[in-house]
Amino acid sequence: MSAGTEITPEMMKMFAALTKVHAEYLEAFFDEIDTKWGGTEGYLKHALGLTDEELNKMKELYLEEM
């Protein structure tokens, strides 16, 4: 029970489905970014408004040189 409402097995299946990552959804997401923004960097700059300085800081924090 949650907030007075019984959680049914069907509801649990629905919640489980919503919390999983599906490869085809990710592929569609990145295809759209490539089509509309020319790639991830274009999306980060133009859709999210990140500056070159912010992108460089993110690269320092999250990418490893190989």
PDB file of N, CA and C in Angstrom:
ATOM      1  N   MET A   1       0.842  -1.181   0.000  1.00  0.00           N
ATOM      2  CA  MET A   1       0.000   0.000   0.000  1.00  0.00           C
ATOM      3  C   MET A   1       0.891   1.249   0.000  1.00  0.00           C
ATOM      4  N   SER A   2       0.468   2.217  -0.753  1.00  0.00           N
ATOM      5  CA  SER A   2       1.178   3.489  -0.810  1.00  0.00           C
ATOM      6  C   SER A   2       0.147   4.602  -0.806  1.00  0.00           C
ATOM      7  N   ALA A   3       0.187   5.445   0.201  1.00  0.00           N
ATOM      8  CA  ALA A   3      -0.773   6.550   0.329  1.00  0.00           C
ATOM      9  C   ALA A   3      -2.204   6.039   0.273  1.00  0.00           C
ATOM     10  N   GLY A   4      -2.429   4.864   0.871  1.00  0.00           N
ATOM     11  CA  GLY A   4      -3.777   4.321   0.914  1.00  0.00           C
ATOM     12  C   GLY A   4      -4.214   3.589  -0.332  1.00  0.00           C
ATOM     13  N   THR A   5      -3.328   3.452  -1.312  1.00  0.00           N
ATOM     14  CA  THR A   5      -3.665   2.776  -2.562  1.00  0.00           C
ATOM     15  C   THR A   5      -2.869   1.488  -2.667  1.00  0.00           C
ATOM     16  N   GLU A   6      -3.557   0.415  -2.955  1.00  0.00           N
ATOM     17  CA  GLU A   6      -2.872  -0.861  -3.115  1.00  0.00           C
ATOM     18  C   GLU A   6      -2.096  -0.880  -4.428  1.00  0.00           C
ATOM     19  N   ILE A   7      -0.870  -1.343  -4.363  1.00  0.00           N
ATOM     20  CA  ILE A   7      -0.056  -1.474  -5.566  1.00  0.00           C
ATOM     21  C   ILE A   7      -0.234  -2.900  -6.077  1.00  0.00           C
ATOM     22  N   THR A   8      -0.802  -2.998  -7.250  1.00  0.00           N
ATOM     23  CA  THR A   8      -1.110  -4.307  -7.831  1.00  0.00           C
ATOM     24  C   THR A   8       0.095  -4.845  -8.599  1.00  0.00           C
ATOM     25  N   PRO A   9       0.115  -6.152  -8.884  1.00  0.00           N
ATOM     26  CA  PRO A   9       1.187  -6.709  -9.706  1.00  0.00           C
ATOM     27  C   PRO A   9       1.274  -6.039 -11.075  1.00  0.00           C
ATOM     28  N   GLU A  10       0.152  -5.653 -11.641  1.00  0.00           N
ATOM     29  CA  GLU A  10       0.152  -4.972 -12.936  1.00  0.00           C
ATOM     30  C   GLU A  10       0.840  -3.615 -12.839  1.00  0.00           C
ATOM     31  N   MET A  11       0.591  -2.914 -11.735  1.00  0.00           N
ATOM     32  CA  MET A  11       1.247  -1.616 -11.526  1.00  0.00           C
ATOM     33  C   MET A  11       2.749  -1.804 -11.368  1.00  0.00           C
ATOM     34  N   MET A  12       3.162  -2.839 -10.656  1.00  0.00           N
ATOM     35  CA  MET A  12       4.580  -3.122 -10.480  1.00  0.00           C
ATOM     36  C   MET A  12       5.254  -3.402 -11.824  1.00  0.00           C
ATOM     37  N   LYS A  13       4.568  -4.135 -12.719  1.00  0.00           N
ATOM     38  CA  LYS A  13       5.121  -4.398 -14.052  1.00  0.00           C
ATOM     39  C   LYS A  13       5.292  -3.094 -14.826  1.00  0.00           C
ATOM     40  N   MET A  14       4.299  -2.201 -14.710  1.00  0.00           N
ATOM     41  CA  MET A  14       4.374  -0.922 -15.402  1.00  0.00           C
ATOM     42  C   MET A  14       5.551  -0.093 -14.864  1.00  0.00           C
ATOM     43  N   PHE A  15       5.692  -0.025 -13.548  1.00  0.00           N
ATOM     44  CA  PHE A  15       6.801   0.721 -12.950  1.00  0.00           C
ATOM     45  C   PHE A  15       8.137   0.138 -13.365  1.00  0.00           C
ATOM     46  N   ALA A  16       8.233  -1.183 -13.386  1.00  0.00           N
ATOM     47  CA  ALA A  16       9.473  -1.845 -13.785  1.00  0.00           C
ATOM     48  C   ALA A  16       9.834  -1.487 -15.224  1.00  0.00           C
ATOM     49  N   ALA A  17       8.843  -1.486 -16.110  1.00  0.00           N
ATOM     50  CA  ALA A  17       9.091  -1.159 -17.519  1.00  0.00           C
ATOM     51  C   ALA A  17       9.582   0.280 -17.678  1.00  0.00           C
ATOM     52  N   LEU A  18       9.083   1.183 -16.852  1.00  0.00           N
ATOM     53  CA  LEU A  18       9.469   2.594 -16.947  1.00  0.00           C
ATOM     54  C   LEU A  18      10.863   2.871 -16.413  1.00  0.00           C
ATOM     55  N   THR A  19      11.415   1.961 -15.631  1.00  0.00           N
ATOM     56  CA  THR A  19      12.724   2.201 -15.031  1.00  0.00           C
ATOM     57  C   THR A  19      13.859   1.502 -15.772  1.00  0.00           C
ATOM     58  N   LYS A  20      13.557   0.842 -16.863  1.00  0.00           N
ATOM     59  CA  LYS A  20      14.584   0.141 -17.631  1.00  0.00           C
ATOM     60  C   LYS A  20      15.064   0.988 -18.797  1.00  0.00           C
ATOM     61  N   VAL A  21      16.276   0.749 -19.207  1.00  0.00           N
ATOM     62  CA  VAL A  21      16.848   1.428 -20.368  1.00  0.00           C
ATOM     63  C   VAL A  21      16.685   0.499 -21.564  1.00  0.00           C
ATOM     64  N   HIS A  22      16.135   1.035 -22.635  1.00  0.00           N
ATOM     65  CA  HIS A  22      15.935   0.258 -23.856  1.00  0.00           C
ATOM     66  C   HIS A  22      16.872   0.789 -24.934  1.00  0.00           C
ATOM     67  N   ALA A  23      17.673  -0.098 -25.490  1.00  0.00           N
ATOM     68  CA  ALA A  23      18.668   0.298 -26.491  1.00  0.00           C
ATOM     69  C   ALA A  23      18.030   1.051 -27.654  1.00  0.00           C
ATOM     70  N   GLU A  24      16.867   0.594 -28.097  1.00  0.00           N
ATOM     71  CA  GLU A  24      16.234   1.255 -29.253  1.00  0.00           C
ATOM     72  C   GLU A  24      15.813   2.683 -28.928  1.00  0.00           C
ATOM     73  N   TYR A  25      15.450   2.980 -27.679  1.00  0.00           N
ATOM     74  CA  TYR A  25      15.106   4.352 -27.291  1.00  0.00           C
ATOM     75  C   TYR A  25      16.351   5.235 -27.306  1.00  0.00           C
ATOM     76  N   LEU A  26      17.454   4.692 -26.780  1.00  0.00           N
ATOM     77  CA  LEU A  26      18.706   5.447 -26.795  1.00  0.00           C
ATOM     78  C   LEU A  26      19.186   5.700 -28.218  1.00  0.00           C
ATOM     79  N   GLU A  27      19.082   4.697 -29.074  1.00  0.00           N
ATOM     80  CA  GLU A  27      19.481   4.866 -30.477  1.00  0.00           C
ATOM     81  C   GLU A  27      18.639   5.941 -31.146  1.00  0.00           C
ATOM     82  N   ALA A  28      17.336   5.936 -30.896  1.00  0.00           N
ATOM     83  CA  ALA A  28      16.453   6.961 -31.480  1.00  0.00           C
ATOM     84  C   ALA A  28      16.821   8.346 -30.955  1.00  0.00           C
ATOM     85  N   PHE A  29      17.134   8.440 -29.681  1.00  0.00           N
ATOM     86  CA  PHE A  29      17.540   9.703 -29.069  1.00  0.00           C
ATOM     87  C   PHE A  29      18.796  10.252 -29.742  1.00  0.00           C
ATOM     88  N   PHE A  30      19.828   9.413 -29.869  1.00  0.00           N
ATOM     89  CA  PHE A  30      21.076   9.878 -30.478  1.00  0.00           C
ATOM     90  C   PHE A  30      20.925  10.133 -31.977  1.00  0.00           C
ATOM     91  N   ASP A  31      20.077   9.377 -32.657  1.00  0.00           N
ATOM     92  CA  ASP A  31      19.794   9.656 -34.072  1.00  0.00           C
ATOM     93  C   ASP A  31      19.171  11.036 -34.223  1.00  0.00           C
ATOM     94  N   GLU A  32      18.242  11.369 -33.344  1.00  0.00           N
ATOM     95  CA  GLU A  32      17.585  12.678 -33.396  1.00  0.00           C
ATOM     96  C   GLU A  32      18.585  13.800 -33.113  1.00  0.00           C
ATOM     97  N   ILE A  33      19.461  13.590 -32.150  1.00  0.00           N
ATOM     98  CA  ILE A  33      20.498  14.591 -31.847  1.00  0.00           C
ATOM     99  C   ILE A  33      21.405  14.790 -33.061  1.00  0.00           C
ATOM    100  N   ASP A  34      21.798  13.700 -33.696  1.00  0.00           N
ATOM    101  CA  ASP A  34      22.652  13.808 -34.885  1.00  0.00           C
ATOM    102  C   ASP A  34      21.939  14.541 -36.001  1.00  0.00           C
ATOM    103  N   THR A  35      20.667  14.213 -36.222  1.00  0.00           N
ATOM    104  CA  THR A  35      19.899  14.818 -37.306  1.00  0.00           C
ATOM    105  C   THR A  35      19.631  16.303 -37.052  1.00  0.00           C
ATOM    106  N   LYS A  36      19.176  16.612 -35.860  1.00  0.00           N
ATOM    107  CA  LYS A  36      18.745  17.981 -35.566  1.00  0.00           C
ATOM    108  C   LYS A  36      19.885  18.916 -35.172  1.00  0.00           C
ATOM    109  N   TRP A  37      20.892  18.404 -34.460  1.00  0.00           N
ATOM    110  CA  TRP A  37      21.930  19.260 -33.904  1.00  0.00           C
ATOM    111  C   TRP A  37      23.323  18.971 -34.442  1.00  0.00           C
ATOM    112  N   GLY A  38      23.469  17.960 -35.307  1.00  0.00           N
ATOM    113  CA  GLY A  38      24.780  17.640 -35.866  1.00  0.00           C
ATOM    114  C   GLY A  38      25.678  16.872 -34.918  1.00  0.00           C
ATOM    115  N   GLY A  39      25.129  16.360 -33.843  1.00  0.00           N
ATOM    116  CA  GLY A  39      25.905  15.575 -32.891  1.00  0.00           C
ATOM    117  C   GLY A  39      25.734  16.070 -31.470  1.00  0.00           C
ATOM    118  N   THR A  40      26.393  15.375 -30.576  1.00  0.00           N
ATOM    119  CA  THR A  40      26.242  15.663 -29.151  1.00  0.00           C
ATOM    120  C   THR A  40      26.734  17.058 -28.781  1.00  0.00           C
ATOM    121  N   GLU A  41      27.882  17.446 -29.309  1.00  0.00           N
ATOM    122  CA  GLU A  41      28.412  18.769 -28.965  1.00  0.00           C
ATOM    123  C   GLU A  41      27.478  19.879 -29.444  1.00  0.00           C
ATOM    124  N   GLY A  42      26.919  19.731 -30.639  1.00  0.00           N
ATOM    125  CA  GLY A  42      25.948  20.707 -31.131  1.00  0.00           C
ATOM    126  C   GLY A  42      24.725  20.788 -30.241  1.00  0.00           C
ATOM    127  N   TYR A  43      24.269  19.652 -29.771  1.00  0.00           N
ATOM    128  CA  TYR A  43      23.118  19.618 -28.864  1.00  0.00           C
ATOM    129  C   TYR A  43      23.438  20.336 -27.556  1.00  0.00           C
ATOM    130  N   LEU A  44      24.590  20.022 -26.996  1.00  0.00           N
ATOM    131  CA  LEU A  44      24.967  20.633 -25.723  1.00  0.00           C
ATOM    132  C   LEU A  44      25.122  22.149 -25.847  1.00  0.00           C
ATOM    133  N   LYS A  45      25.676  22.610 -26.975  1.00  0.00           N
ATOM    134  CA  LYS A  45      25.894  24.041 -27.178  1.00  0.00           C
ATOM    135  C   LYS A  45      24.605  24.769 -27.539  1.00  0.00           C
ATOM    136  N   HIS A  46      23.883  24.244 -28.528  1.00  0.00           N
ATOM    137  CA  HIS A  46      22.760  24.995 -29.084  1.00  0.00           C
ATOM    138  C   HIS A  46      21.427  24.706 -28.417  1.00  0.00           C
ATOM    139  N   ALA A  47      21.192  23.471 -28.039  1.00  0.00           N
ATOM    140  CA  ALA A  47      19.918  23.149 -27.388  1.00  0.00           C
ATOM    141  C   ALA A  47      19.973  23.472 -25.898  1.00  0.00           C
ATOM    142  N   LEU A  48      21.100  23.167 -25.259  1.00  0.00           N
ATOM    143  CA  LEU A  48      21.215  23.390 -23.818  1.00  0.00           C
ATOM    144  C   LEU A  48      21.923  24.691 -23.470  1.00  0.00           C
ATOM    145  N   GLY A  49      22.569  25.322 -24.461  1.00  0.00           N
ATOM    146  CA  GLY A  49      23.185  26.623 -24.252  1.00  0.00           C
ATOM    147  C   GLY A  49      24.493  26.606 -23.480  1.00  0.00           C
ATOM    148  N   LEU A  50      25.196  25.471 -23.488  1.00  0.00           N
ATOM    149  CA  LEU A  50      26.480  25.413 -22.798  1.00  0.00           C
ATOM    150  C   LEU A  50      27.548  26.155 -23.598  1.00  0.00           C
ATOM    151  N   THR A  51      28.451  26.803 -22.887  1.00  0.00           N
ATOM    152  CA  THR A  51      29.542  27.527 -23.530  1.00  0.00           C
ATOM    153  C   THR A  51      30.710  26.575 -23.791  1.00  0.00           C
ATOM    154  N   ASP A  52      31.666  27.025 -24.603  1.00  0.00           N
ATOM    155  CA  ASP A  52      32.872  26.225 -24.837  1.00  0.00           C
ATOM    156  C   ASP A  52      33.600  25.962 -23.517  1.00  0.00           C
ATOM    157  N   GLU A  53      33.642  26.965 -22.657  1.00  0.00           N
ATOM    158  CA  GLU A  53      34.302  26.803 -21.356  1.00  0.00           C
ATOM    159  C   GLU A  53      33.602  25.721 -20.518  1.00  0.00           C
ATOM    160  N   GLU A  54      32.287  25.741 -20.514  1.00  0.00           N
ATOM    161  CA  GLU A  54      31.542  24.727 -19.759  1.00  0.00           C
ATOM    162  C   GLU A  54      31.750  23.330 -20.344  1.00  0.00           C
ATOM    163  N   LEU A  55      31.770  23.246 -21.683  1.00  0.00           N
ATOM    164  CA  LEU A  55      32.018  21.952 -22.326  1.00  0.00           C
ATOM    165  C   LEU A  55      33.410  21.430 -21.994  1.00  0.00           C
ATOM    166  N   ASN A  56      34.394  22.302 -22.022  1.00  0.00           N
ATOM    167  CA  ASN A  56      35.760  21.895 -21.683  1.00  0.00           C
ATOM    168  C   ASN A  56      35.845  21.412 -20.235  1.00  0.00           C
ATOM    169  N   LYS A  57      35.151  22.075 -19.323  1.00  0.00           N
ATOM    170  CA  LYS A  57      35.152  21.651 -17.925  1.00  0.00           C
ATOM    171  C   LYS A  57      34.496  20.275 -17.795  1.00  0.00           C
ATOM    172  N   MET A  58      33.401  20.051 -18.508  1.00  0.00           N
ATOM    173  CA  MET A  58      32.730  18.743 -18.473  1.00  0.00           C
ATOM    174  C   MET A  58      33.652  17.652 -19.006  1.00  0.00           C
ATOM    175  N   LYS A  59      34.385  17.971 -20.074  1.00  0.00           N
ATOM    176  CA  LYS A  59      35.324  16.998 -20.637  1.00  0.00           C
ATOM    177  C   LYS A  59      36.397  16.643 -19.624  1.00  0.00           C
ATOM    178  N   GLU A  60      36.913  17.657 -18.916  1.00  0.00           N
ATOM    179  CA  GLU A  60      37.922  17.411 -17.882  1.00  0.00           C
ATOM    180  C   GLU A  60      37.375  16.504 -16.785  1.00  0.00           C
ATOM    181  N   LEU A  61      36.143  16.738 -16.399  1.00  0.00           N
ATOM    182  CA  LEU A  61      35.551  15.998 -15.290  1.00  0.00           C
ATOM    183  C   LEU A  61      35.147  14.571 -15.665  1.00  0.00           C
ATOM    184  N   TYR A  62      34.641  14.390 -16.889  1.00  0.00           N
ATOM    185  CA  TYR A  62      33.972  13.134 -17.212  1.00  0.00           C
ATOM    186  C   TYR A  62      34.655  12.248 -18.247  1.00  0.00           C
ATOM    187  N   LEU A  63      35.678  12.748 -18.924  1.00  0.00           N
ATOM    188  CA  LEU A  63      36.332  11.942 -19.940  1.00  0.00           C
ATOM    189  C   LEU A  63      37.750  11.578 -19.521  1.00  0.00           C
ATOM    190  N   GLU A  64      38.147  10.379 -19.881  1.00  0.00           N
ATOM    191  CA  GLU A  64      39.513   9.939 -19.629  1.00  0.00           C
ATOM    192  C   GLU A  64      40.262   9.885 -20.940  1.00  0.00           C
ATOM    193  N   GLU A  65      41.523  10.275 -20.919  1.00  0.00           N
ATOM    194  CA  GLU A  65      42.345  10.132 -22.122  1.00  0.00           C
ATOM    195  C   GLU A  65      42.776   8.683 -22.224  1.00  0.00           C
ATOM    196  N   MET A  66      42.791   8.171 -23.428  1.00  0.00           N
ATOM    197  CA  MET A  66      43.170   6.772 -23.639  1.00  0.00           C
ATOM    198  C   MET A  66      44.435   6.700 -24.436  1.00  0.00           C
TER     199      MET A  66
END
